[in-house]
Amino acid sequence: MYQDGSKELRDHTDQNIIAMLVGNKADLRHLRAVPTSESSGFAERENTLFMETSVLEALNVQNFFRELLTQIYRVVSRKALDIGDDPASVPRGQTINIGKGDVSAVKKGGCCSC
């Protein structure tokens, strides 16, 4: 079941998506349904981050958000470098066509009545 969901996630999202498997309620050890080793093994096979958290014990909650934001920042930074430093640059694979139509309508909307 989980593997199908992971494949579906990868097939229908951007290749740079950040996926993270989070085991919550780590404080309820006596009710654990999935061993940590199984969860971490799954995350490793799926090339996904893994962390166990407990809000009650304040275990890894801040670390989870910090790690998630760090990974998102890395992806966004990498994409920005791929595009280039010029914010006016055209993203790769896209073309901007500049028509040779009538520009008089543009001139009429200016700041003066010239």
PDB file of N, CA and C in Angstrom:
ATOM      1  N   MET A   1       0.814  -1.191   0.000  1.00  0.00           N
ATOM      2  CA  MET A   1       0.000   0.000   0.000  1.00  0.00           C
ATOM      3  C   MET A   1       0.861   1.259   0.000  1.00  0.00           C
ATOM      4  N   TYR A   2       1.822   1.345   0.910  1.00  0.00           N
ATOM      5  CA  TYR A   2       2.640   2.546   1.010  1.00  0.00           C
ATOM      6  C   TYR A   2       3.490   2.737  -0.241  1.00  0.00           C
ATOM      7  N   GLN A   3       4.023   1.646  -0.774  1.00  0.00           N
ATOM      8  CA  GLN A   3       4.869   1.766  -1.943  1.00  0.00           C
ATOM      9  C   GLN A   3       4.082   2.285  -3.134  1.00  0.00           C
ATOM     10  N   ASP A   4       2.833   1.851  -3.298  1.00  0.00           N
ATOM     11  CA  ASP A   4       2.005   2.351  -4.390  1.00  0.00           C
ATOM     12  C   ASP A   4       1.757   3.850  -4.219  1.00  0.00           C
ATOM     13  N   GLY A   5       1.496   4.283  -2.994  1.00  0.00           N
ATOM     14  CA  GLY A   5       1.270   5.698  -2.720  1.00  0.00           C
ATOM     15  C   GLY A   5       2.512   6.523  -3.004  1.00  0.00           C
ATOM     16  N   SER A   6       3.672   5.980  -2.667  1.00  0.00           N
ATOM     17  CA  SER A   6       4.920   6.689  -2.915  1.00  0.00           C
ATOM     18  C   SER A   6       5.172   6.809  -4.411  1.00  0.00           C
ATOM     19  N   LYS A   7       4.917   5.748  -5.149  1.00  0.00           N
ATOM     20  CA  LYS A   7       5.091   5.781  -6.602  1.00  0.00           C
ATOM     21  C   LYS A   7       4.123   6.780  -7.226  1.00  0.00           C
ATOM     22  N   GLU A   8       2.892   6.783  -6.760  1.00  0.00           N
ATOM     23  CA  GLU A   8       1.898   7.716  -7.277  1.00  0.00           C
ATOM     24  C   GLU A   8       2.313   9.156  -6.983  1.00  0.00           C
ATOM     25  N   LEU A   9       2.820   9.392  -5.786  1.00  0.00           N
ATOM     26  CA  LEU A   9       3.299  10.722  -5.422  1.00  0.00           C
ATOM     27  C   LEU A   9       4.406  11.159  -6.367  1.00  0.00           C
ATOM     28  N   ARG A  10       5.369  10.302  -6.612  1.00  0.00           N
ATOM     29  CA  ARG A  10       6.504  10.636  -7.477  1.00  0.00           C
ATOM     30  C   ARG A  10       6.073  10.810  -8.941  1.00  0.00           C
ATOM     31  N   ASP A  11       5.099  10.020  -9.372  1.00  0.00           N
ATOM     32  CA  ASP A  11       4.639  10.084 -10.769  1.00  0.00           C
ATOM     33  C   ASP A  11       3.837  11.341 -11.084  1.00  0.00           C
ATOM     34  N   HIS A  12       3.178  11.918 -10.083  1.00  0.00           N
ATOM     35  CA  HIS A  12       2.249  13.018 -10.340  1.00  0.00           C
ATOM     36  C   HIS A  12       2.645  14.347  -9.700  1.00  0.00           C
ATOM     37  N   THR A  13       3.899  14.468  -9.323  1.00  0.00           N
ATOM     38  CA  THR A  13       4.354  15.725  -8.732  1.00  0.00           C
ATOM     39  C   THR A  13       5.664  16.149  -9.376  1.00  0.00           C
ATOM     40  N   ASP A  14       6.090  17.336  -9.057  1.00  0.00           N
ATOM     41  CA  ASP A  14       7.373  17.848  -9.518  1.00  0.00           C
ATOM     42  C   ASP A  14       8.480  16.939  -9.003  1.00  0.00           C
ATOM     43  N   GLN A  15       9.502  16.749  -9.807  1.00  0.00           N
ATOM     44  CA  GLN A  15      10.601  15.861  -9.415  1.00  0.00           C
ATOM     45  C   GLN A  15      11.357  16.364  -8.189  1.00  0.00           C
ATOM     46  N   ASN A  16      11.209  17.626  -7.867  1.00  0.00           N
ATOM     47  CA  ASN A  16      11.922  18.208  -6.732  1.00  0.00           C
ATOM     48  C   ASN A  16      11.087  18.260  -5.458  1.00  0.00           C
ATOM     49  N   ILE A  17       9.976  17.552  -5.427  1.00  0.00           N
ATOM     50  CA  ILE A  17       9.122  17.572  -4.236  1.00  0.00           C
ATOM     51  C   ILE A  17       9.904  17.056  -3.025  1.00  0.00           C
ATOM     52  N   ILE A  18       9.623  17.633  -1.888  1.00  0.00           N
ATOM     53  CA  ILE A  18      10.237  17.184  -0.647  1.00  0.00           C
ATOM     54  C   ILE A  18       9.218  16.284   0.052  1.00  0.00           C
ATOM     55  N   ALA A  19       9.552  15.024   0.167  1.00  0.00           N
ATOM     56  CA  ALA A  19       8.680  14.075   0.849  1.00  0.00           C
ATOM     57  C   ALA A  19       9.368  13.650   2.140  1.00  0.00           C
ATOM     58  N   MET A  20       8.590  13.575   3.191  1.00  0.00           N
ATOM     59  CA  MET A  20       9.151  13.219   4.487  1.00  0.00           C
ATOM     60  C   MET A  20       8.169  12.316   5.209  1.00  0.00           C
ATOM     61  N   LEU A  21       8.653  11.184   5.665  1.00  0.00           N
ATOM     62  CA  LEU A  21       7.851  10.253   6.445  1.00  0.00           C
ATOM     63  C   LEU A  21       8.022  10.611   7.914  1.00  0.00           C
ATOM     64  N   VAL A  22       6.915  10.945   8.575  1.00  0.00           N
ATOM     65  CA  VAL A  22       6.973  11.368   9.973  1.00  0.00           C
ATOM     66  C   VAL A  22       6.140  10.421  10.813  1.00  0.00           C
ATOM     67  N   GLY A  23       6.795   9.806  11.775  1.00  0.00           N
ATOM     68  CA  GLY A  23       6.094   8.966  12.738  1.00  0.00           C
ATOM     69  C   GLY A  23       5.747   9.821  13.940  1.00  0.00           C
ATOM     70  N   ASN A  24       4.461  10.093  14.128  1.00  0.00           N
ATOM     71  CA  ASN A  24       4.020  10.949  15.222  1.00  0.00           C
ATOM     72  C   ASN A  24       3.638  10.085  16.431  1.00  0.00           C
ATOM     73  N   LYS A  25       3.507  10.720  17.561  1.00  0.00           N
ATOM     74  CA  LYS A  25       3.139  10.083  18.827  1.00  0.00           C
ATOM     75  C   LYS A  25       4.178   9.033  19.255  1.00  0.00           C
ATOM     76  N   ALA A  26       5.431   9.394  19.082  1.00  0.00           N
ATOM     77  CA  ALA A  26       6.523   8.504  19.466  1.00  0.00           C
ATOM     78  C   ALA A  26       6.512   8.222  20.969  1.00  0.00           C
ATOM     79  N   ASP A  27       5.805   9.037  21.734  1.00  0.00           N
ATOM     80  CA  ASP A  27       5.713   8.833  23.180  1.00  0.00           C
ATOM     81  C   ASP A  27       4.849   7.613  23.534  1.00  0.00           C
ATOM     82  N   LEU A  28       4.014   7.162  22.619  1.00  0.00           N
ATOM     83  CA  LEU A  28       3.136   6.010  22.874  1.00  0.00           C
ATOM     84  C   LEU A  28       3.811   4.720  22.410  1.00  0.00           C
ATOM     85  N   ARG A  29       4.951   4.436  23.000  1.00  0.00           N
ATOM     86  CA  ARG A  29       5.756   3.278  22.587  1.00  0.00           C
ATOM     87  C   ARG A  29       4.998   1.959  22.725  1.00  0.00           C
ATOM     88  N   HIS A  30       4.163   1.847  23.733  1.00  0.00           N
ATOM     89  CA  HIS A  30       3.428   0.603  23.969  1.00  0.00           C
ATOM     90  C   HIS A  30       2.337   0.363  22.920  1.00  0.00           C
ATOM     91  N   LEU A  31       1.989   1.381  22.143  1.00  0.00           N
ATOM     92  CA  LEU A  31       0.972   1.247  21.095  1.00  0.00           C
ATOM     93  C   LEU A  31       1.578   1.248  19.690  1.00  0.00           C
ATOM     94  N   ARG A  32       2.885   1.164  19.612  1.00  0.00           N
ATOM     95  CA  ARG A  32       3.578   1.223  18.318  1.00  0.00           C
ATOM     96  C   ARG A  32       3.104   0.104  17.400  1.00  0.00           C
ATOM     97  N   ALA A  33       2.731   0.478  16.167  1.00  0.00           N
ATOM     98  CA  ALA A  33       2.277  -0.491  15.180  1.00  0.00           C
ATOM     99  C   ALA A  33       3.365  -0.828  14.166  1.00  0.00           C
ATOM    100  N   VAL A  34       4.285   0.112  13.928  1.00  0.00           N
ATOM    101  CA  VAL A  34       5.350  -0.090  12.944  1.00  0.00           C
ATOM    102  C   VAL A  34       6.689   0.156  13.630  1.00  0.00           C
ATOM    103  N   PRO A  35       7.583  -0.817  13.592  1.00  0.00           N
ATOM    104  CA  PRO A  35       8.898  -0.619  14.219  1.00  0.00           C
ATOM    105  C   PRO A  35       9.685   0.495  13.519  1.00  0.00           C
ATOM    106  N   THR A  36      10.500   1.196  14.296  1.00  0.00           N
ATOM    107  CA  THR A  36      11.322   2.277  13.751  1.00  0.00           C
ATOM    108  C   THR A  36      12.196   1.775  12.617  1.00  0.00           C
ATOM    109  N   SER A  37      12.759   0.603  12.767  1.00  0.00           N
ATOM    110  CA  SER A  37      13.646   0.067  11.725  1.00  0.00           C
ATOM    111  C   SER A  37      12.900  -0.143  10.410  1.00  0.00           C
ATOM    112  N   GLU A  38      11.654  -0.557  10.479  1.00  0.00           N
ATOM    113  CA  GLU A  38      10.857  -0.751   9.265  1.00  0.00           C
ATOM    114  C   GLU A  38      10.553   0.596   8.592  1.00  0.00           C
ATOM    115  N   SER A  39      10.212   1.578   9.408  1.00  0.00           N
ATOM    116  CA  SER A  39       9.916   2.915   8.872  1.00  0.00           C
ATOM    117  C   SER A  39      11.142   3.550   8.241  1.00  0.00           C
ATOM    118  N   SER A  40      12.267   3.484   8.934  1.00  0.00           N
ATOM    119  CA  SER A  40      13.484   4.090   8.397  1.00  0.00           C
ATOM    120  C   SER A  40      13.968   3.339   7.166  1.00  0.00           C
ATOM    121  N   GLY A  41      13.787   2.020   7.152  1.00  0.00           N
ATOM    122  CA  GLY A  41      14.145   1.238   5.966  1.00  0.00           C
ATOM    123  C   GLY A  41      13.301   1.616   4.764  1.00  0.00           C
ATOM    124  N   PHE A  42      11.990   1.787   5.001  1.00  0.00           N
ATOM    125  CA  PHE A  42      11.096   2.218   3.929  1.00  0.00           C
ATOM    126  C   PHE A  42      11.506   3.585   3.395  1.00  0.00           C
ATOM    127  N   ALA A  43      11.770   4.517   4.304  1.00  0.00           N
ATOM    128  CA  ALA A  43      12.165   5.873   3.904  1.00  0.00           C
ATOM    129  C   ALA A  43      13.458   5.840   3.095  1.00  0.00           C
ATOM    130  N   GLU A  44      14.390   5.011   3.498  1.00  0.00           N
ATOM    131  CA  GLU A  44      15.662   4.899   2.778  1.00  0.00           C
ATOM    132  C   GLU A  44      15.442   4.334   1.374  1.00  0.00           C
ATOM    133  N   ARG A  45      14.630   3.290   1.265  1.00  0.00           N
ATOM    134  CA  ARG A  45      14.341   2.701  -0.061  1.00  0.00           C
ATOM    135  C   ARG A  45      13.645   3.692  -0.981  1.00  0.00           C
ATOM    136  N   GLU A  46      12.805   4.536  -0.405  1.00  0.00           N
ATOM    137  CA  GLU A  46      12.037   5.488  -1.191  1.00  0.00           C
ATOM    138  C   GLU A  46      12.757   6.837  -1.345  1.00  0.00           C
ATOM    139  N   ASN A  47      13.986   6.916  -0.834  1.00  0.00           N
ATOM    140  CA  ASN A  47      14.773   8.146  -0.898  1.00  0.00           C
ATOM    141  C   ASN A  47      14.002   9.320  -0.290  1.00  0.00           C
ATOM    142  N   THR A  48      13.489   9.082   0.905  1.00  0.00           N
ATOM    143  CA  THR A  48      12.651  10.036   1.621  1.00  0.00           C
ATOM    144  C   THR A  48      13.235  10.280   3.008  1.00  0.00           C
ATOM    145  N   LEU A  49      13.051  11.455   3.522  1.00  0.00           N
ATOM    146  CA  LEU A  49      13.484  11.760   4.881  1.00  0.00           C
ATOM    147  C   LEU A  49      12.574  11.046   5.874  1.00  0.00           C
ATOM    148  N   PHE A  50      13.101  10.699   7.037  1.00  0.00           N
ATOM    149  CA  PHE A  50      12.308  10.043   8.079  1.00  0.00           C
ATOM    150  C   PHE A  50      12.654  10.628   9.435  1.00  0.00           C
ATOM    151  N   MET A  51      11.611  10.822  10.247  1.00  0.00           N
ATOM    152  CA  MET A  51      11.811  11.321  11.601  1.00  0.00           C
ATOM    153  C   MET A  51      10.620  10.901  12.454  1.00  0.00           C
ATOM    154  N   GLU A  52      10.884  10.571  13.692  1.00  0.00           N
ATOM    155  CA  GLU A  52       9.813  10.294  14.644  1.00  0.00           C
ATOM    156  C   GLU A  52       9.653  11.509  15.546  1.00  0.00           C
ATOM    157  N   THR A  53       8.401  11.849  15.840  1.00  0.00           N
ATOM    158  CA  THR A  53       8.118  13.031  16.648  1.00  0.00           C
ATOM    159  C   THR A  53       7.125  12.706  17.758  1.00  0.00           C
ATOM    160  N   SER A  54       7.097  13.579  18.727  1.00  0.00           N
ATOM    161  CA  SER A  54       6.087  13.529  19.775  1.00  0.00           C
ATOM    162  C   SER A  54       5.824  14.956  20.220  1.00  0.00           C
ATOM    163  N   VAL A  55       4.624  15.421  19.987  1.00  0.00           N
ATOM    164  CA  VAL A  55       4.267  16.764  20.428  1.00  0.00           C
ATOM    165  C   VAL A  55       4.201  16.790  21.953  1.00  0.00           C
ATOM    166  N   LEU A  56       3.675  15.730  22.540  1.00  0.00           N
ATOM    167  CA  LEU A  56       3.543  15.662  23.995  1.00  0.00           C
ATOM    168  C   LEU A  56       4.892  15.826  24.695  1.00  0.00           C
ATOM    169  N   GLU A  57       5.920  15.153  24.176  1.00  0.00           N
ATOM    170  CA  GLU A  57       7.258  15.231  24.768  1.00  0.00           C
ATOM    171  C   GLU A  57       8.137  16.285  24.102  1.00  0.00           C
ATOM    172  N   ALA A  58       7.584  17.023  23.150  1.00  0.00           N
ATOM    173  CA  ALA A  58       8.341  18.021  22.380  1.00  0.00           C
ATOM    174  C   ALA A  58       9.585  17.391  21.751  1.00  0.00           C
ATOM    175  N   LEU A  59       9.409  16.206  21.207  1.00  0.00           N
ATOM    176  CA  LEU A  59      10.509  15.447  20.601  1.00  0.00           C
ATOM    177  C   LEU A  59      10.525  15.660  19.089  1.00  0.00           C
ATOM    178  N   ASN A  60      11.571  16.273  18.588  1.00  0.00           N
ATOM    179  CA  ASN A  60      11.818  16.445  17.153  1.00  0.00           C
ATOM    180  C   ASN A  60      10.788  17.295  16.403  1.00  0.00           C
ATOM    181  N   VAL A  61       9.915  17.983  17.088  1.00  0.00           N
ATOM    182  CA  VAL A  61       8.917  18.801  16.390  1.00  0.00           C
ATOM    183  C   VAL A  61       9.613  19.968  15.688  1.00  0.00           C
ATOM    184  N   GLN A  62      10.434  20.712  16.417  1.00  0.00           N
ATOM    185  CA  GLN A  62      11.171  21.809  15.789  1.00  0.00           C
ATOM    186  C   GLN A  62      12.160  21.269  14.758  1.00  0.00           C
ATOM    187  N   ASN A  63      12.802  20.152  15.064  1.00  0.00           N
ATOM    188  CA  ASN A  63      13.749  19.556  14.120  1.00  0.00           C
ATOM    189  C   ASN A  63      13.065  19.169  12.818  1.00  0.00           C
ATOM    190  N   PHE A  64      11.834  18.651  12.917  1.00  0.00           N
ATOM    191  CA  PHE A  64      11.072  18.283  11.727  1.00  0.00           C
ATOM    192  C   PHE A  64      10.871  19.500  10.823  1.00  0.00           C
ATOM    193  N   PHE A  65      10.356  20.591  11.394  1.00  0.00           N
ATOM    194  CA  PHE A  65      10.100  21.791  10.595  1.00  0.00           C
ATOM    195  C   PHE A  65      11.400  22.397  10.067  1.00  0.00           C
ATOM    196  N   ARG A  66      12.434  22.389  10.880  1.00  0.00           N
ATOM    197  CA  ARG A  66      13.728  22.928  10.455  1.00  0.00           C
ATOM    198  C   ARG A  66      14.276  22.123   9.270  1.00  0.00           C
ATOM    199  N   GLU A  67      14.208  20.807   9.369  1.00  0.00           N
ATOM    200  CA  GLU A  67      14.713  19.948   8.291  1.00  0.00           C
ATOM    201  C   GLU A  67      13.885  20.115   7.021  1.00  0.00           C
ATOM    202  N   LEU A  68      12.580  20.173   7.169  1.00  0.00           N
ATOM    203  CA  LEU A  68      11.702  20.350   6.017  1.00  0.00           C
ATOM    204  C   LEU A  68      11.987  21.681   5.315  1.00  0.00           C
ATOM    205  N   LEU A  69      12.076  22.752   6.072  1.00  0.00           N
ATOM    206  CA  LEU A  69      12.367  24.063   5.482  1.00  0.00           C
ATOM    207  C   LEU A  69      13.769  24.118   4.874  1.00  0.00           C
ATOM    208  N   THR A  70      14.727  23.448   5.486  1.00  0.00           N
ATOM    209  CA  THR A  70      16.081  23.395   4.930  1.00  0.00           C
ATOM    210  C   THR A  70      16.071  22.709   3.571  1.00  0.00           C
ATOM    211  N   GLN A  71      15.354  21.596   3.476  1.00  0.00           N
ATOM    212  CA  GLN A  71      15.277  20.871   2.204  1.00  0.00           C
ATOM    213  C   GLN A  71      14.564  21.695   1.134  1.00  0.00           C
ATOM    214  N   ILE A  72      13.492  22.375   1.504  1.00  0.00           N
ATOM    215  CA  ILE A  72      12.774  23.231   0.552  1.00  0.00           C
ATOM    216  C   ILE A  72      13.686  24.358   0.086  1.00  0.00           C
ATOM    217  N   TYR A  73      14.414  24.962   1.006  1.00  0.00           N
ATOM    218  CA  TYR A  73      15.343  26.040   0.655  1.00  0.00           C
ATOM    219  C   TYR A  73      16.390  25.547  -0.341  1.00  0.00           C
ATOM    220  N   ARG A  74      16.913  24.347  -0.130  1.00  0.00           N
ATOM    221  CA  ARG A  74      17.919  23.789  -1.048  1.00  0.00           C
ATOM    222  C   ARG A  74      17.357  23.618  -2.449  1.00  0.00           C
ATOM    223  N   VAL A  75      16.134  23.115  -2.538  1.00  0.00           N
ATOM    224  CA  VAL A  75      15.512  22.916  -3.852  1.00  0.00           C
ATOM    225  C   VAL A  75      15.279  24.252  -4.545  1.00  0.00           C
ATOM    226  N   VAL A  76      14.731  25.218  -3.815  1.00  0.00           N
ATOM    227  CA  VAL A  76      14.451  26.530  -4.397  1.00  0.00           C
ATOM    228  C   VAL A  76      15.751  27.210  -4.817  1.00  0.00           C
ATOM    229  N   SER A  77      16.786  27.114  -4.009  1.00  0.00           N
ATOM    230  CA  SER A  77      18.073  27.717  -4.344  1.00  0.00           C
ATOM    231  C   SER A  77      18.665  27.078  -5.589  1.00  0.00           C
ATOM    232  N   ARG A  78      18.566  25.773  -5.677  1.00  0.00           N
ATOM    233  CA  ARG A  78      19.092  25.052  -6.839  1.00  0.00           C
ATOM    234  C   ARG A  78      18.341  25.481  -8.109  1.00  0.00           C
ATOM    235  N   LYS A  79      17.022  25.627  -7.994  1.00  0.00           N
ATOM    236  CA  LYS A  79      16.233  26.076  -9.149  1.00  0.00           C
ATOM    237  C   LYS A  79      16.620  27.491  -9.543  1.00  0.00           C
ATOM    238  N   ALA A  80      16.846  28.360  -8.571  1.00  0.00           N
ATOM    239  CA  ALA A  80      17.236  29.740  -8.859  1.00  0.00           C
ATOM    240  C   ALA A  80      18.577  29.772  -9.577  1.00  0.00           C
ATOM    241  N   LEU A  81      19.501  28.926  -9.187  1.00  0.00           N
ATOM    242  CA  LEU A  81      20.799  28.868  -9.849  1.00  0.00           C
ATOM    243  C   LEU A  81      20.667  28.340 -11.264  1.00  0.00           C
ATOM    244  N   ASP A  82      19.750  27.400 -11.487  1.00  0.00           N
ATOM    245  CA  ASP A  82      19.529  26.867 -12.829  1.00  0.00           C
ATOM    246  C   ASP A  82      18.999  27.940 -13.770  1.00  0.00           C
ATOM    247  N   ILE A  83      18.148  28.824 -13.257  1.00  0.00           N
ATOM    248  CA  ILE A  83      17.576  29.893 -14.076  1.00  0.00           C
ATOM    249  C   ILE A  83      18.607  30.987 -14.297  1.00  0.00           C
ATOM    250  N   GLY A  84      19.397  31.259 -13.296  1.00  0.00           N
ATOM    251  CA  GLY A  84      20.385  32.318 -13.384  1.00  0.00           C
ATOM    252  C   GLY A  84      20.085  33.395 -12.371  1.00  0.00           C
ATOM    253  N   ASP A  85      21.001  34.291 -12.209  1.00  0.00           N
ATOM    254  CA  ASP A  85      20.848  35.347 -11.212  1.00  0.00           C
ATOM    255  C   ASP A  85      19.958  36.492 -11.678  1.00  0.00           C
ATOM    256  N   ASP A  86      19.752  36.604 -12.978  1.00  0.00           N
ATOM    257  CA  ASP A  86      18.977  37.722 -13.513  1.00  0.00           C
ATOM    258  C   ASP A  86      17.488  37.473 -13.303  1.00  0.00           C
ATOM    259  N   PRO A  87      16.823  38.242 -12.428  1.00  0.00           N
ATOM    260  CA  PRO A  87      15.402  38.015 -12.169  1.00  0.00           C
ATOM    261  C   PRO A  87      14.531  38.255 -13.395  1.00  0.00           C
ATOM    262  N   ALA A  88      15.054  38.980 -14.389  1.00  0.00           N
ATOM    263  CA  ALA A  88      14.283  39.253 -15.604  1.00  0.00           C
ATOM    264  C   ALA A  88      14.517  38.190 -16.673  1.00  0.00           C
ATOM    265  N   SER A  89      15.381  37.233 -16.381  1.00  0.00           N
ATOM    266  CA  SER A  89      15.671  36.224 -17.397  1.00  0.00           C
ATOM    267  C   SER A  89      14.467  35.314 -17.623  1.00  0.00           C
ATOM    268  N   VAL A  90      14.371  34.810 -18.825  1.00  0.00           N
ATOM    269  CA  VAL A  90      13.275  33.921 -19.193  1.00  0.00           C
ATOM    270  C   VAL A  90      13.623  32.515 -18.724  1.00  0.00           C
ATOM    271  N   PRO A  91      12.719  31.850 -17.994  1.00  0.00           N
ATOM    272  CA  PRO A  91      12.991  30.477 -17.574  1.00  0.00           C
ATOM    273  C   PRO A  91      13.260  29.590 -18.780  1.00  0.00           C
ATOM    274  N   ARG A  92      14.153  28.651 -18.626  1.00  0.00           N
ATOM    275  CA  ARG A  92      14.496  27.742 -19.714  1.00  0.00           C
ATOM    276  C   ARG A  92      13.256  27.011 -20.205  1.00  0.00           C
ATOM    277  N   GLY A  93      13.198  26.807 -21.513  1.00  0.00           N
ATOM    278  CA  GLY A  93      12.092  26.075 -22.093  1.00  0.00           C
ATOM    279  C   GLY A  93      10.886  26.937 -22.403  1.00  0.00           C
ATOM    280  N   GLN A  94      10.929  28.210 -22.059  1.00  0.00           N
ATOM    281  CA  GLN A  94       9.811  29.098 -22.342  1.00  0.00           C
ATOM    282  C   GLN A  94      10.253  30.171 -23.318  1.00  0.00           C
ATOM    283  N   THR A  95       9.352  30.533 -24.207  1.00  0.00           N
ATOM    284  CA  THR A  95       9.632  31.553 -25.202  1.00  0.00           C
ATOM    285  C   THR A  95       8.650  32.686 -25.031  1.00  0.00           C
ATOM    286  N   ILE A  96       9.143  33.889 -25.151  1.00  0.00           N
ATOM    287  CA  ILE A  96       8.270  35.053 -25.110  1.00  0.00           C
ATOM    288  C   ILE A  96       8.249  35.631 -26.523  1.00  0.00           C
ATOM    289  N   ASN A  97       7.062  35.686 -27.120  1.00  0.00           N
ATOM    290  CA  ASN A  97       6.896  36.262 -28.449  1.00  0.00           C
ATOM    291  C   ASN A  97       6.449  37.705 -28.305  1.00  0.00           C
ATOM    292  N   ILE A  98       7.165  38.575 -28.959  1.00  0.00           N
ATOM    293  CA  ILE A  98       6.803  39.979 -28.942  1.00  0.00           C
ATOM    294  C   ILE A  98       6.177  40.290 -30.291  1.00  0.00           C
ATOM    295  N   GLY A  99       4.882  40.604 -30.258  1.00  0.00           N
ATOM    296  CA  GLY A  99       4.155  40.851 -31.500  1.00  0.00           C
ATOM    297  C   GLY A  99       4.536  42.190 -32.108  1.00  0.00           C
ATOM    298  N   LYS A 100       4.275  42.319 -33.408  1.00  0.00           N
ATOM    299  CA  LYS A 100       4.579  43.564 -34.112  1.00  0.00           C
ATOM    300  C   LYS A 100       3.284  44.318 -34.380  1.00  0.00           C
ATOM    301  N   GLY A 101       2.318  44.161 -33.490  1.00  0.00           N
ATOM    302  CA  GLY A 101       1.021  44.787 -33.668  1.00  0.00           C
ATOM    303  C   GLY A 101       1.045  46.270 -33.378  1.00  0.00           C
ATOM    304  N   ASP A 102      -0.121  46.847 -33.348  1.00  0.00           N
ATOM    305  CA  ASP A 102      -0.297  48.279 -33.113  1.00  0.00           C
ATOM    306  C   ASP A 102       0.010  48.601 -31.652  1.00  0.00           C
ATOM    307  N   VAL A 103       0.933  49.480 -31.410  1.00  0.00           N
ATOM    308  CA  VAL A 103       1.311  49.866 -30.049  1.00  0.00           C
ATOM    309  C   VAL A 103       0.683  51.185 -29.643  1.00  0.00           C
ATOM    310  N   SER A 104      -0.192  51.752 -30.453  1.00  0.00           N
ATOM    311  CA  SER A 104      -0.793  53.045 -30.128  1.00  0.00           C
ATOM    312  C   SER A 104      -1.642  52.980 -28.868  1.00  0.00           C
ATOM    313  N   ALA A 105      -2.277  51.817 -28.595  1.00  0.00           N
ATOM    314  CA  ALA A 105      -3.085  51.674 -27.388  1.00  0.00           C
ATOM    315  C   ALA A 105      -2.200  51.745 -26.143  1.00  0.00           C
ATOM    316  N   VAL A 106      -1.016  51.240 -26.242  1.00  0.00           N
ATOM    317  CA  VAL A 106      -0.088  51.292 -25.118  1.00  0.00           C
ATOM    318  C   VAL A 106       0.342  52.727 -24.885  1.00  0.00           C
ATOM    319  N   LYS A 107       0.608  53.453 -25.960  1.00  0.00           N
ATOM    320  CA  LYS A 107       1.070  54.831 -25.824  1.00  0.00           C
ATOM    321  C   LYS A 107      -0.017  55.724 -25.225  1.00  0.00           C
ATOM    322  N   LYS A 108      -1.284  55.439 -25.521  1.00  0.00           N
ATOM    323  CA  LYS A 108      -2.368  56.247 -24.994  1.00  0.00           C
ATOM    324  C   LYS A 108      -2.523  56.087 -23.491  1.00  0.00           C
ATOM    325  N   GLY A 109      -2.123  54.967 -22.941  1.00  0.00           N
ATOM    326  CA  GLY A 109      -2.283  54.733 -21.519  1.00  0.00           C
ATOM    327  C   GLY A 109      -1.147  55.265 -20.688  1.00  0.00           C
ATOM    328  N   GLY A 110      -0.270  56.064 -21.245  1.00  0.00           N
ATOM    329  CA  GLY A 110       0.896  56.558 -20.555  1.00  0.00           C
ATOM    330  C   GLY A 110       0.553  57.599 -19.496  1.00  0.00           C
ATOM    331  N   CYS A 111       1.583  58.211 -18.943  1.00  0.00           N
ATOM    332  CA  CYS A 111       1.408  59.170 -17.855  1.00  0.00           C
ATOM    333  C   CYS A 111       1.097  60.580 -18.351  1.00  0.00           C
ATOM    334  N   CYS A 112       1.294  60.841 -19.601  1.00  0.00           N
ATOM    335  CA  CYS A 112       1.014  62.189 -20.117  1.00  0.00           C
ATOM    336  C   CYS A 112       0.083  62.094 -21.315  1.00  0.00           C
ATOM    337  N   SER A 113      -0.416  63.212 -21.755  1.00  0.00           N
ATOM    338  CA  SER A 113      -1.371  63.211 -22.853  1.00  0.00           C
ATOM    339  C   SER A 113      -0.718  63.492 -24.191  1.00  0.00           C
ATOM    340  N   CYS A 114       0.535  63.150 -24.329  1.00  0.00           N
ATOM    341  CA  CYS A 114       1.281  63.419 -25.571  1.00  0.00           C
ATOM    342  C   CYS A 114       0.786  62.533 -26.696  1.00  0.00           C
TER     343      CYS A 114
END
